[in-house]
Amino acid sequence: MKIFRGFKAILYKEFIVVLRDPFTLFFMFFPPLIEMIAFGYALDNDVKHMATVVLDQDRTAESRQLVDQFQNTQTFRVVGEVQSVTALSEAIRTGKAYVGLQIPPNFTKNLRAGHSAQVQVLINGSSSTIALSALNTSVSIGLRQSLLALFGETGRRILPVEIRPQILYNPDMRSPNFFVPGVIGVVLQIATTFATAMSLVRERERGTLEQLLVSPLSRWGLMLGKLTPYLCIGMMMACGLFAIMRWLFDVPIAGSVFALLVSSLVYIFALLSLGLLISTRAENQMQALQMTMIFIMPSVFFSGFIFPRETMPWIFYAVGSLLPTTYFIELMRAIILRGASLAEFWNHLLILTGMGFGLFALCALRFRQKIA
C-alpha cells in the first residue's frame, strides 16, 4: 500500500539496529524483570509480626493469656516489656515498637466482677497501613473476648445474628493476586515507552534522520516500521512476565490466555505509539527521558494500581481515565482473577484500541517528513 511505502525496508533496518544494540535489549528485559520481582514481593498489605511492647501492671494469668492471644494472631510480636507509661510511649516514639499494650492493675479484678476490663492499645499512626491492621486486629480480639464472656454468663451457644461473608475470586486475600497483574501493566509501560521514545531521538543525534527524510518512505510506513520490532519484543516481555506471575508468585489465571495476549498486544501498541509521539517532540535523549517520566507517576497513582480510583477527587479520576494503564490493569484483574472474557470488557479493549490508533496517527501527522 502506498500509505505504508517503505515499511518493509524500515522494519528490516530497525530489527537489525535493535538486535545489534545490546544496551537497549538489556534495559528492555533486565530492569522489568527485577521490577516485577521486587514489586511483587514488596507490595503486600498482609501486615504481620508488628513489634509490640507490653506494660503489664496486672501480672496475673488472665493478663498473660491476653498477651498470648495478641501474639497468636501473628499480627503482633512482643519485643519487650516496660515498667511505665512513659517508657511505653518512648518505645513507640523512637521506633522500637509500632504498638504498645497496657494492661491496668485492676484488669483481672474487673473481669471477674463482671465489670468492663479496659485495655489500652497505643498504635503508631505514622504508617496508615500498619495502624489500620493493628487497630482492626486489636478490636477483633477485644470483641472475641467480650463474646466469650457474655456466652459464659448467659449460657448461649450461638450468636443472635451471624454474618457469613464469602470472598470471591481471591478468597485467601493474597496481596500478590491483586498487585501483580497491575505490576505487569506498570512495568510494560516503563520498558516499552522508553524504548520507542529514544528511537527517533537516536536517529536525530546520530545524524541519520536526514537520510530517512530524503528516502522514498511514507511517514506511516516509517512509524510502523519503527514500532513493529519493539511490539514483538514487548510481547515477548509480556509472556515472560505472565510466566513469572503464574509460576513464581503462584497467581492462578482464571480466564483465557488468548484474552491476556490480545489485551497485551493492544496495550503495548498504545504505549509504543505514545513513546513515538514523545520522540517526535524531544530534541535529545534527556528530553525524551524527562517527557516519558511525566506519564509514569500518574500511571502508578491514578490508574487504580495501588489506590481505588473511586475514592479519588474527580480531577484525578479524570486524569486516570486518560491513561492506557488504567484500562489494561482493569482488564488484567478481570481476566486473571475473575475469569472475565473480552466480550464482557469490550469497552476497555475498544478504548485501548482507540488510544493506540489515535496516538499512532498523531505520530505520523506530527513527523515532519518532506516527501512529495
Foldseek 3Di string as FASTA:
>chain_A
DLQQPPLVVLLVVLLVVVVVDVVLVCLLAVVLVVLLVVCLVPDWLPAFAFEEEEAEQQPDPVVVVLVVVVVVVRNYHYPYYDHDPVVQVVCCVVPVGQKYKYQHNCQVVCLVVVHDRDIDMDGRPPDVSSRVVVVVVVVVSVVVVVVVSVCVVPVDDDDPDDDDDADALCRVPTRSLQQSLLSLLLSLLVSQLLSLLCPLQVCLVVVNVVVVLPDSGNLLSNLSSNQVVSLVVSLVSSVVSVVCSCPVVVQAFLADPVQLSLLSSLLSLLSNLNSLQNNLVDNHSVSSVVVSVVQNVLLCPLLCSRPHNVPDPPVSVVVNVPDLSNLSSVSSSCRRRVHDGCVVVVVSSVVSNVSSVVSSVVSSVSRDRPDD
